[in-house]
Amino acid sequence: MSDIVSVPELTDAPHATVFEADPKVVRLALDADQRLPAHRHPGETVLFHVLGGQVDLSLGEEVLELGPGDLARFDGDVDISPHAREESTVLVTFV
């Protein structure tokens, strides 16, 4: 079985569910200078793939500077807080 979703056509903001079944995938659309509060995804490994824009991703005390094409993998048990330096689109996959 195949599922196809057009990411640019997703309209919910800032989160739009791409795929609900495992692995769950969410499209995150952030306005310039938008920051999401620190939160966790316990028990998950998180893949954070920047499709467009520039995002500073806080992982606990560490800050990753991510741009288009960058893919970060991290443990969902750590506090995360993305901050868009410009309008940005990210795919977040939970495995």
PDB file of N, CA and C in Angstrom:
ATOM      1  N   MET A   1       0.847  -1.181   0.000  1.00  0.00           N
ATOM      2  CA  MET A   1       0.000   0.000   0.000  1.00  0.00           C
ATOM      3  C   MET A   1       0.885   1.235   0.000  1.00  0.00           C
ATOM      4  N   SER A   2       0.547   2.197  -0.826  1.00  0.00           N
ATOM      5  CA  SER A   2       1.298   3.444  -0.915  1.00  0.00           C
ATOM      6  C   SER A   2       0.419   4.609  -0.515  1.00  0.00           C
ATOM      7  N   ASP A   3       1.023   5.572   0.154  1.00  0.00           N
ATOM      8  CA  ASP A   3       0.340   6.811   0.507  1.00  0.00           C
ATOM      9  C   ASP A   3       1.147   7.959  -0.075  1.00  0.00           C
ATOM     10  N   ILE A   4       0.460   8.910  -0.682  1.00  0.00           N
ATOM     11  CA  ILE A   4       1.121  10.084  -1.238  1.00  0.00           C
ATOM     12  C   ILE A   4       0.430  11.323  -0.700  1.00  0.00           C
ATOM     13  N   VAL A   5       1.241  12.270  -0.215  1.00  0.00           N
ATOM     14  CA  VAL A   5       0.721  13.534   0.281  1.00  0.00           C
ATOM     15  C   VAL A   5       1.545  14.650  -0.337  1.00  0.00           C
ATOM     16  N   SER A   6       0.880  15.704  -0.785  1.00  0.00           N
ATOM     17  CA  SER A   6       1.582  16.887  -1.283  1.00  0.00           C
ATOM     18  C   SER A   6       1.827  17.819  -0.102  1.00  0.00           C
ATOM     19  N   VAL A   7       3.061  17.881   0.373  1.00  0.00           N
ATOM     20  CA  VAL A   7       3.399  18.695   1.541  1.00  0.00           C
ATOM     21  C   VAL A   7       3.029  20.159   1.328  1.00  0.00           C
ATOM     22  N   PRO A   8       3.305  20.774   0.162  1.00  0.00           N
ATOM     23  CA  PRO A   8       2.942  22.183  -0.010  1.00  0.00           C
ATOM     24  C   PRO A   8       1.437  22.455   0.081  1.00  0.00           C
ATOM     25  N   GLU A   9       0.617  21.438  -0.127  1.00  0.00           N
ATOM     26  CA  GLU A   9      -0.832  21.633  -0.076  1.00  0.00           C
ATOM     27  C   GLU A   9      -1.413  21.515   1.339  1.00  0.00           C
ATOM     28  N   LEU A  10      -0.605  21.120   2.323  1.00  0.00           N
ATOM     29  CA  LEU A  10      -1.084  21.040   3.702  1.00  0.00           C
ATOM     30  C   LEU A  10      -1.280  22.451   4.242  1.00  0.00           C
ATOM     31  N   THR A  11      -2.410  22.692   4.917  1.00  0.00           N
ATOM     32  CA  THR A  11      -2.738  24.064   5.316  1.00  0.00           C
ATOM     33  C   THR A  11      -2.742  24.301   6.816  1.00  0.00           C
ATOM     34  N   ASP A  12      -2.843  23.271   7.642  1.00  0.00           N
ATOM     35  CA  ASP A  12      -2.867  23.494   9.087  1.00  0.00           C
ATOM     36  C   ASP A  12      -1.536  24.090   9.531  1.00  0.00           C
ATOM     37  N   ALA A  13      -1.597  25.064  10.439  1.00  0.00           N
ATOM     38  CA  ALA A  13      -0.367  25.719  10.904  1.00  0.00           C
ATOM     39  C   ALA A  13      -0.383  25.825  12.418  1.00  0.00           C
ATOM     40  N   PRO A  14       0.725  25.710  13.119  1.00  0.00           N
ATOM     41  CA  PRO A  14       2.005  25.411  12.505  1.00  0.00           C
ATOM     42  C   PRO A  14       2.211  23.928  12.218  1.00  0.00           C
ATOM     43  N   HIS A  15       1.334  23.049  12.738  1.00  0.00           N
ATOM     44  CA  HIS A  15       1.497  21.602  12.547  1.00  0.00           C
ATOM     45  C   HIS A  15       0.423  21.065  11.616  1.00  0.00           C
ATOM     46  N   ALA A  16       0.824  20.217  10.685  1.00  0.00           N
ATOM     47  CA  ALA A  16      -0.124  19.488   9.846  1.00  0.00           C
ATOM     48  C   ALA A  16       0.337  18.041   9.815  1.00  0.00           C
ATOM     49  N   THR A  17      -0.549  17.127  10.166  1.00  0.00           N
ATOM     50  CA  THR A  17      -0.193  15.713  10.139  1.00  0.00           C
ATOM     51  C   THR A  17      -0.094  15.251   8.696  1.00  0.00           C
ATOM     52  N   VAL A  18       1.051  14.690   8.345  1.00  0.00           N
ATOM     53  CA  VAL A  18       1.257  14.147   7.011  1.00  0.00           C
ATOM     54  C   VAL A  18       0.787  12.698   6.996  1.00  0.00           C
ATOM     55  N   PHE A  19       1.334  11.883   7.907  1.00  0.00           N
ATOM     56  CA  PHE A  19       0.922  10.492   8.078  1.00  0.00           C
ATOM     57  C   PHE A  19       0.705  10.237   9.562  1.00  0.00           C
ATOM     58  N   GLU A  20      -0.461   9.730   9.919  1.00  0.00           N
ATOM     59  CA  GLU A  20      -0.788   9.432  11.314  1.00  0.00           C
ATOM     60  C   GLU A  20      -0.249   8.075  11.749  1.00  0.00           C
ATOM     61  N   ALA A  21      -0.277   7.096  10.828  1.00  0.00           N
ATOM     62  CA  ALA A  21       0.212   5.748  11.148  1.00  0.00           C
ATOM     63  C   ALA A  21       1.729   5.766  11.249  1.00  0.00           C
ATOM     64  N   ASP A  22       2.285   4.762  11.926  1.00  0.00           N
ATOM     65  CA  ASP A  22       3.734   4.686  12.107  1.00  0.00           C
ATOM     66  C   ASP A  22       4.451   4.535  10.780  1.00  0.00           C
ATOM     67  N   PRO A  23       5.528   5.253  10.575  1.00  0.00           N
ATOM     68  CA  PRO A  23       5.989   6.309  11.453  1.00  0.00           C
ATOM     69  C   PRO A  23       5.161   7.575  11.246  1.00  0.00           C
ATOM     70  N   LYS A  24       4.816   8.226  12.340  1.00  0.00           N
ATOM     71  CA  LYS A  24       4.038   9.461  12.276  1.00  0.00           C
ATOM     72  C   LYS A  24       4.928  10.556  11.695  1.00  0.00           C
ATOM     73  N   VAL A  25       4.371  11.331  10.752  1.00  0.00           N
ATOM     74  CA  VAL A  25       5.096  12.433  10.128  1.00  0.00           C
ATOM     75  C   VAL A  25       4.245  13.686  10.228  1.00  0.00           C
ATOM     76  N   VAL A  26       4.882  14.794  10.627  1.00  0.00           N
ATOM     77  CA  VAL A  26       4.203  16.078  10.777  1.00  0.00           C
ATOM     78  C   VAL A  26       4.960  17.123   9.973  1.00  0.00           C
ATOM     79  N   ARG A  27       4.216  17.986   9.276  1.00  0.00           N
ATOM     80  CA  ARG A  27       4.818  19.130   8.611  1.00  0.00           C
ATOM     81  C   ARG A  27       4.720  20.310   9.567  1.00  0.00           C
ATOM     82  N   LEU A  28       5.839  20.950   9.804  1.00  0.00           N
ATOM     83  CA  LEU A  28       5.907  22.100  10.695  1.00  0.00           C
ATOM     84  C   LEU A  28       6.194  23.324   9.838  1.00  0.00           C
ATOM     85  N   ALA A  29       5.279  24.299   9.830  1.00  0.00           N
ATOM     86  CA  ALA A  29       5.462  25.547   9.093  1.00  0.00           C
ATOM     87  C   ALA A  29       5.617  26.665  10.111  1.00  0.00           C
ATOM     88  N   LEU A  30       6.749  27.341  10.074  1.00  0.00           N
ATOM     89  CA  LEU A  30       7.041  28.390  11.042  1.00  0.00           C
ATOM     90  C   LEU A  30       7.241  29.724  10.330  1.00  0.00           C
ATOM     91  N   ASP A  31       6.657  30.778  10.885  1.00  0.00           N
ATOM     92  CA  ASP A  31       6.889  32.124  10.382  1.00  0.00           C
ATOM     93  C   ASP A  31       8.271  32.590  10.828  1.00  0.00           C
ATOM     94  N   ALA A  32       8.785  33.610  10.173  1.00  0.00           N
ATOM     95  CA  ALA A  32      10.070  34.176  10.565  1.00  0.00           C
ATOM     96  C   ALA A  32      10.014  34.598  12.024  1.00  0.00           C
ATOM     97  N   ASP A  33      11.025  34.229  12.781  1.00  0.00           N
ATOM     98  CA  ASP A  33      11.191  34.532  14.206  1.00  0.00           C
ATOM     99  C   ASP A  33      10.196  33.792  15.107  1.00  0.00           C
ATOM    100  N   GLN A  34       9.451  32.840  14.588  1.00  0.00           N
ATOM    101  CA  GLN A  34       8.537  32.048  15.415  1.00  0.00           C
ATOM    102  C   GLN A  34       9.323  30.993  16.168  1.00  0.00           C
ATOM    103  N   ARG A  35       8.991  30.831  17.443  1.00  0.00           N
ATOM    104  CA  ARG A  35       9.653  29.853  18.301  1.00  0.00           C
ATOM    105  C   ARG A  35       8.583  28.993  18.970  1.00  0.00           C
ATOM    106  N   LEU A  36       8.806  27.687  18.985  1.00  0.00           N
ATOM    107  CA  LEU A  36       7.915  26.795  19.720  1.00  0.00           C
ATOM    108  C   LEU A  36       8.500  26.579  21.109  1.00  0.00           C
ATOM    109  N   PRO A  37       7.648  26.544  22.134  1.00  0.00           N
ATOM    110  CA  PRO A  37       8.157  26.342  23.491  1.00  0.00           C
ATOM    111  C   PRO A  37       8.827  24.981  23.650  1.00  0.00           C
ATOM    112  N   ALA A  38       9.746  24.910  24.593  1.00  0.00           N
ATOM    113  CA  ALA A  38      10.449  23.655  24.873  1.00  0.00           C
ATOM    114  C   ALA A  38       9.442  22.556  25.204  1.00  0.00           C
ATOM    115  N   HIS A  39       9.654  21.397  24.613  1.00  0.00           N
ATOM    116  CA  HIS A  39       8.773  20.254  24.841  1.00  0.00           C
ATOM    117  C   HIS A  39       9.556  18.983  24.550  1.00  0.00           C
ATOM    118  N   ARG A  40       8.932  17.842  24.805  1.00  0.00           N
ATOM    119  CA  ARG A  40       9.568  16.532  24.597  1.00  0.00           C
ATOM    120  C   ARG A  40       8.631  15.600  23.855  1.00  0.00           C
ATOM    121  N   HIS A  41       9.232  14.573  23.285  1.00  0.00           N
ATOM    122  CA  HIS A  41       8.496  13.481  22.643  1.00  0.00           C
ATOM    123  C   HIS A  41       9.033  12.180  23.240  1.00  0.00           C
ATOM    124  N   PRO A  42       8.653  11.889  24.491  1.00  0.00           N
ATOM    125  CA  PRO A  42       9.218  10.740  25.213  1.00  0.00           C
ATOM    126  C   PRO A  42       9.047   9.419  24.457  1.00  0.00           C
ATOM    127  N   GLY A  43      10.117   8.623  24.510  1.00  0.00           N
ATOM    128  CA  GLY A  43      10.070   7.299  23.913  1.00  0.00           C
ATOM    129  C   GLY A  43      10.196   7.284  22.398  1.00  0.00           C
ATOM    130  N   GLU A  44      10.413   8.435  21.769  1.00  0.00           N
ATOM    131  CA  GLU A  44      10.516   8.517  20.317  1.00  0.00           C
ATOM    132  C   GLU A  44      11.941   8.887  19.903  1.00  0.00           C
ATOM    133  N   THR A  45      12.344   8.418  18.750  1.00  0.00           N
ATOM    134  CA  THR A  45      13.485   8.987  18.054  1.00  0.00           C
ATOM    135  C   THR A  45      12.883   9.961  17.056  1.00  0.00           C
ATOM    136  N   VAL A  46      13.452  11.157  16.977  1.00  0.00           N
ATOM    137  CA  VAL A  46      12.880  12.208  16.145  1.00  0.00           C
ATOM    138  C   VAL A  46      13.840  12.520  14.991  1.00  0.00           C
ATOM    139  N   LEU A  47      13.280  12.587  13.785  1.00  0.00           N
ATOM    140  CA  LEU A  47      14.014  13.046  12.606  1.00  0.00           C
ATOM    141  C   LEU A  47      13.445  14.409  12.232  1.00  0.00           C
ATOM    142  N   PHE A  48      14.302  15.411  12.146  1.00  0.00           N
ATOM    143  CA  PHE A  48      13.900  16.805  11.920  1.00  0.00           C
ATOM    144  C   PHE A  48      14.557  17.245  10.612  1.00  0.00           C
ATOM    145  N   HIS A  49      13.769  17.282   9.514  1.00  0.00           N
ATOM    146  CA  HIS A  49      14.290  17.530   8.173  1.00  0.00           C
ATOM    147  C   HIS A  49      13.827  18.904   7.691  1.00  0.00           C
ATOM    148  N   VAL A  50      14.767  19.835   7.555  1.00  0.00           N
ATOM    149  CA  VAL A  50      14.441  21.188   7.099  1.00  0.00           C
ATOM    150  C   VAL A  50      14.297  21.160   5.573  1.00  0.00           C
ATOM    151  N   LEU A  51      13.084  21.482   5.096  1.00  0.00           N
ATOM    152  CA  LEU A  51      12.832  21.539   3.659  1.00  0.00           C
ATOM    153  C   LEU A  51      13.181  22.912   3.089  1.00  0.00           C
ATOM    154  N   GLY A  52      12.917  23.943   3.884  1.00  0.00           N
ATOM    155  CA  GLY A  52      13.200  25.310   3.447  1.00  0.00           C
ATOM    156  C   GLY A  52      13.307  26.226   4.643  1.00  0.00           C
ATOM    157  N   GLY A  53      14.123  27.271   4.504  1.00  0.00           N
ATOM    158  CA  GLY A  53      14.296  28.235   5.582  1.00  0.00           C
ATOM    159  C   GLY A  53      15.520  27.932   6.428  1.00  0.00           C
ATOM    160  N   GLN A  54      15.590  28.601   7.571  1.00  0.00           N
ATOM    161  CA  GLN A  54      16.700  28.454   8.513  1.00  0.00           C
ATOM    162  C   GLN A  54      16.110  28.304   9.916  1.00  0.00           C
ATOM    163  N   VAL A  55      16.519  27.262  10.628  1.00  0.00           N
ATOM    164  CA  VAL A  55      15.969  26.964  11.949  1.00  0.00           C
ATOM    165  C   VAL A  55      17.099  26.722  12.937  1.00  0.00           C
ATOM    166  N   ASP A  56      17.024  27.404  14.076  1.00  0.00           N
ATOM    167  CA  ASP A  56      17.896  27.085  15.208  1.00  0.00           C
ATOM    168  C   ASP A  56      17.115  26.104  16.072  1.00  0.00           C
ATOM    169  N   LEU A  57      17.637  24.906  16.235  1.00  0.00           N
ATOM    170  CA  LEU A  57      16.949  23.860  16.992  1.00  0.00           C
ATOM    171  C   LEU A  57      17.665  23.661  18.316  1.00  0.00           C
ATOM    172  N   SER A  58      17.005  24.070  19.405  1.00  0.00           N
ATOM    173  CA  SER A  58      17.565  23.857  20.746  1.00  0.00           C
ATOM    174  C   SER A  58      17.249  22.446  21.192  1.00  0.00           C
ATOM    175  N   LEU A  59      18.307  21.712  21.564  1.00  0.00           N
ATOM    176  CA  LEU A  59      18.197  20.351  22.107  1.00  0.00           C
ATOM    177  C   LEU A  59      18.865  20.383  23.466  1.00  0.00           C
ATOM    178  N   GLY A  60      18.078  20.608  24.524  1.00  0.00           N
ATOM    179  CA  GLY A  60      18.668  20.802  25.842  1.00  0.00           C
ATOM    180  C   GLY A  60      19.517  22.057  25.805  1.00  0.00           C
ATOM    181  N   GLU A  61      20.816  21.923  26.099  1.00  0.00           N
ATOM    182  CA  GLU A  61      21.738  23.059  26.100  1.00  0.00           C
ATOM    183  C   GLU A  61      22.384  23.299  24.731  1.00  0.00           C
ATOM    184  N   GLU A  62      22.229  22.354  23.803  1.00  0.00           N
ATOM    185  CA  GLU A  62      22.854  22.441  22.486  1.00  0.00           C
ATOM    186  C   GLU A  62      21.919  23.152  21.510  1.00  0.00           C
ATOM    187  N   VAL A  63      22.473  23.972  20.610  1.00  0.00           N
ATOM    188  CA  VAL A  63      21.683  24.617  19.559  1.00  0.00           C
ATOM    189  C   VAL A  63      22.276  24.226  18.208  1.00  0.00           C
ATOM    190  N   LEU A  64      21.434  23.629  17.362  1.00  0.00           N
ATOM    191  CA  LEU A  64      21.833  23.246  16.014  1.00  0.00           C
ATOM    192  C   LEU A  64      21.324  24.301  15.040  1.00  0.00           C
ATOM    193  N   GLU A  65      22.195  24.787  14.158  1.00  0.00           N
ATOM    194  CA  GLU A  65      21.805  25.728  13.114  1.00  0.00           C
ATOM    195  C   GLU A  65      21.556  24.917  11.844  1.00  0.00           C
ATOM    196  N   LEU A  66      20.286  24.845  11.430  1.00  0.00           N
ATOM    197  CA  LEU A  66      19.889  23.971  10.328  1.00  0.00           C
ATOM    198  C   LEU A  66      19.340  24.778   9.163  1.00  0.00           C
ATOM    199  N   GLY A  67      19.660  24.328   7.949  1.00  0.00           N
ATOM    200  CA  GLY A  67      19.164  24.961   6.739  1.00  0.00           C
ATOM    201  C   GLY A  67      18.568  23.928   5.807  1.00  0.00           C
ATOM    202  N   PRO A  68      18.156  24.359   4.615  1.00  0.00           N
ATOM    203  CA  PRO A  68      17.508  23.456   3.662  1.00  0.00           C
ATOM    204  C   PRO A  68      18.344  22.207   3.389  1.00  0.00           C
ATOM    205  N   GLY A  69      17.698  21.056   3.503  1.00  0.00           N
ATOM    206  CA  GLY A  69      18.356  19.784   3.263  1.00  0.00           C
ATOM    207  C   GLY A  69      18.979  19.156   4.495  1.00  0.00           C
ATOM    208  N   ASP A  70      19.118  19.925   5.586  1.00  0.00           N
ATOM    209  CA  ASP A  70      19.693  19.368   6.811  1.00  0.00           C
ATOM    210  C   ASP A  70      18.695  18.444   7.497  1.00  0.00           C
ATOM    211  N   LEU A  71      19.213  17.331   8.003  1.00  0.00           N
ATOM    212  CA  LEU A  71      18.405  16.338   8.710  1.00  0.00           C
ATOM    213  C   LEU A  71      19.082  16.034  10.036  1.00  0.00           C
ATOM    214  N   ALA A  72      18.370  16.299  11.132  1.00  0.00           N
ATOM    215  CA  ALA A  72      18.887  16.013  12.471  1.00  0.00           C
ATOM    216  C   ALA A  72      18.103  14.839  13.053  1.00  0.00           C
ATOM    217  N   ARG A  73      18.824  13.957  13.759  1.00  0.00           N
ATOM    218  CA  ARG A  73      18.194  12.839  14.457  1.00  0.00           C
ATOM    219  C   ARG A  73      18.545  12.974  15.925  1.00  0.00           C
ATOM    220  N   PHE A  74      17.522  12.846  16.805  1.00  0.00           N
ATOM    221  CA  PHE A  74      17.784  12.997  18.227  1.00  0.00           C
ATOM    222  C   PHE A  74      16.741  12.251  19.039  1.00  0.00           C
ATOM    223  N   ASP A  75      17.062  12.073  20.310  1.00  0.00           N
ATOM    224  CA  ASP A  75      16.204  11.380  21.273  1.00  0.00           C
ATOM    225  C   ASP A  75      15.087  12.323  21.719  1.00  0.00           C
ATOM    226  N   GLY A  76      13.859  11.888  21.609  1.00  0.00           N
ATOM    227  CA  GLY A  76      12.713  12.703  21.985  1.00  0.00           C
ATOM    228  C   GLY A  76      12.580  12.946  23.478  1.00  0.00           C
ATOM    229  N   ASP A  77      13.448  12.338  24.287  1.00  0.00           N
ATOM    230  CA  ASP A  77      13.397  12.557  25.734  1.00  0.00           C
ATOM    231  C   ASP A  77      14.094  13.845  26.152  1.00  0.00           C
ATOM    232  N   VAL A  78      14.773  14.533  25.224  1.00  0.00           N
ATOM    233  CA  VAL A  78      15.450  15.791  25.532  1.00  0.00           C
ATOM    234  C   VAL A  78      14.502  16.954  25.193  1.00  0.00           C
ATOM    235  N   ASP A  79      14.629  18.073  25.930  1.00  0.00           N
ATOM    236  CA  ASP A  79      13.828  19.259  25.620  1.00  0.00           C
ATOM    237  C   ASP A  79      14.218  19.800  24.253  1.00  0.00           C
ATOM    238  N   ILE A  80      13.218  20.032  23.406  1.00  0.00           N
ATOM    239  CA  ILE A  80      13.474  20.608  22.086  1.00  0.00           C
ATOM    240  C   ILE A  80      12.665  21.887  21.922  1.00  0.00           C
ATOM    241  N   SER A  81      13.240  22.830  21.186  1.00  0.00           N
ATOM    242  CA  SER A  81      12.555  24.085  20.901  1.00  0.00           C
ATOM    243  C   SER A  81      13.087  24.650  19.584  1.00  0.00           C
ATOM    244  N   PRO A  82      12.319  24.538  18.494  1.00  0.00           N
ATOM    245  CA  PRO A  82      12.756  25.122  17.237  1.00  0.00           C
ATOM    246  C   PRO A  82      12.453  26.622  17.178  1.00  0.00           C
ATOM    247  N   HIS A  83      13.379  27.373  16.580  1.00  0.00           N
ATOM    248  CA  HIS A  83      13.216  28.808  16.381  1.00  0.00           C
ATOM    249  C   HIS A  83      13.558  29.112  14.928  1.00  0.00           C
ATOM    250  N   ALA A  84      12.575  29.598  14.174  1.00  0.00           N
ATOM    251  CA  ALA A  84      12.787  29.901  12.759  1.00  0.00           C
ATOM    252  C   ALA A  84      13.435  31.269  12.619  1.00  0.00           C
ATOM    253  N   ARG A  85      14.596  31.315  11.975  1.00  0.00           N
ATOM    254  CA  ARG A  85      15.249  32.593  11.711  1.00  0.00           C
ATOM    255  C   ARG A  85      14.610  33.288  10.512  1.00  0.00           C
ATOM    256  N   GLU A  86      13.932  32.507   9.686  1.00  0.00           N
ATOM    257  CA  GLU A  86      13.157  33.018   8.555  1.00  0.00           C
ATOM    258  C   GLU A  86      12.010  32.038   8.352  1.00  0.00           C
ATOM    259  N   GLU A  87      11.061  32.376   7.490  1.00  0.00           N
ATOM    260  CA  GLU A  87       9.958  31.456   7.224  1.00  0.00           C
ATOM    261  C   GLU A  87      10.545  30.091   6.856  1.00  0.00           C
ATOM    262  N   SER A  88      10.061  29.033   7.524  1.00  0.00           N
ATOM    263  CA  SER A  88      10.682  27.717   7.383  1.00  0.00           C
ATOM    264  C   SER A  88       9.641  26.613   7.335  1.00  0.00           C
ATOM    265  N   THR A  89       9.994  25.538   6.628  1.00  0.00           N
ATOM    266  CA  THR A  89       9.163  24.340   6.557  1.00  0.00           C
ATOM    267  C   THR A  89      10.024  23.140   6.928  1.00  0.00           C
ATOM    268  N   VAL A  90       9.485  22.314   7.839  1.00  0.00           N
ATOM    269  CA  VAL A  90      10.216  21.172   8.369  1.00  0.00           C
ATOM    270  C   VAL A  90       9.310  19.947   8.347  1.00  0.00           C
ATOM    271  N   LEU A  91       9.852  18.787   8.003  1.00  0.00           N
ATOM    272  CA  LEU A  91       9.159  17.522   8.200  1.00  0.00           C
ATOM    273  C   LEU A  91       9.738  16.867   9.444  1.00  0.00           C
ATOM    274  N   VAL A  92       8.870  16.487  10.369  1.00  0.00           N
ATOM    275  CA  VAL A  92       9.276  15.847  11.609  1.00  0.00           C
ATOM    276  C   VAL A  92       8.704  14.426  11.603  1.00  0.00           C
ATOM    277  N   THR A  93       9.595  13.441  11.728  1.00  0.00           N
ATOM    278  CA  THR A  93       9.198  12.041  11.714  1.00  0.00           C
ATOM    279  C   THR A  93       9.505  11.438  13.067  1.00  0.00           C
ATOM    280  N   PHE A  94       8.535  10.679  13.614  1.00  0.00           N
ATOM    281  CA  PHE A  94       8.680  10.045  14.934  1.00  0.00           C
ATOM    282  C   PHE A  94       8.778   8.544  14.731  1.00  0.00           C
ATOM    283  N   VAL A  95       9.900   7.956  15.157  1.00  0.00           N
ATOM    284  CA  VAL A  95      10.094   6.505  14.992  1.00  0.00           C
ATOM    285  C   VAL A  95      10.459   5.879  16.321  1.00  0.00           C
TER     286      VAL A  95
END
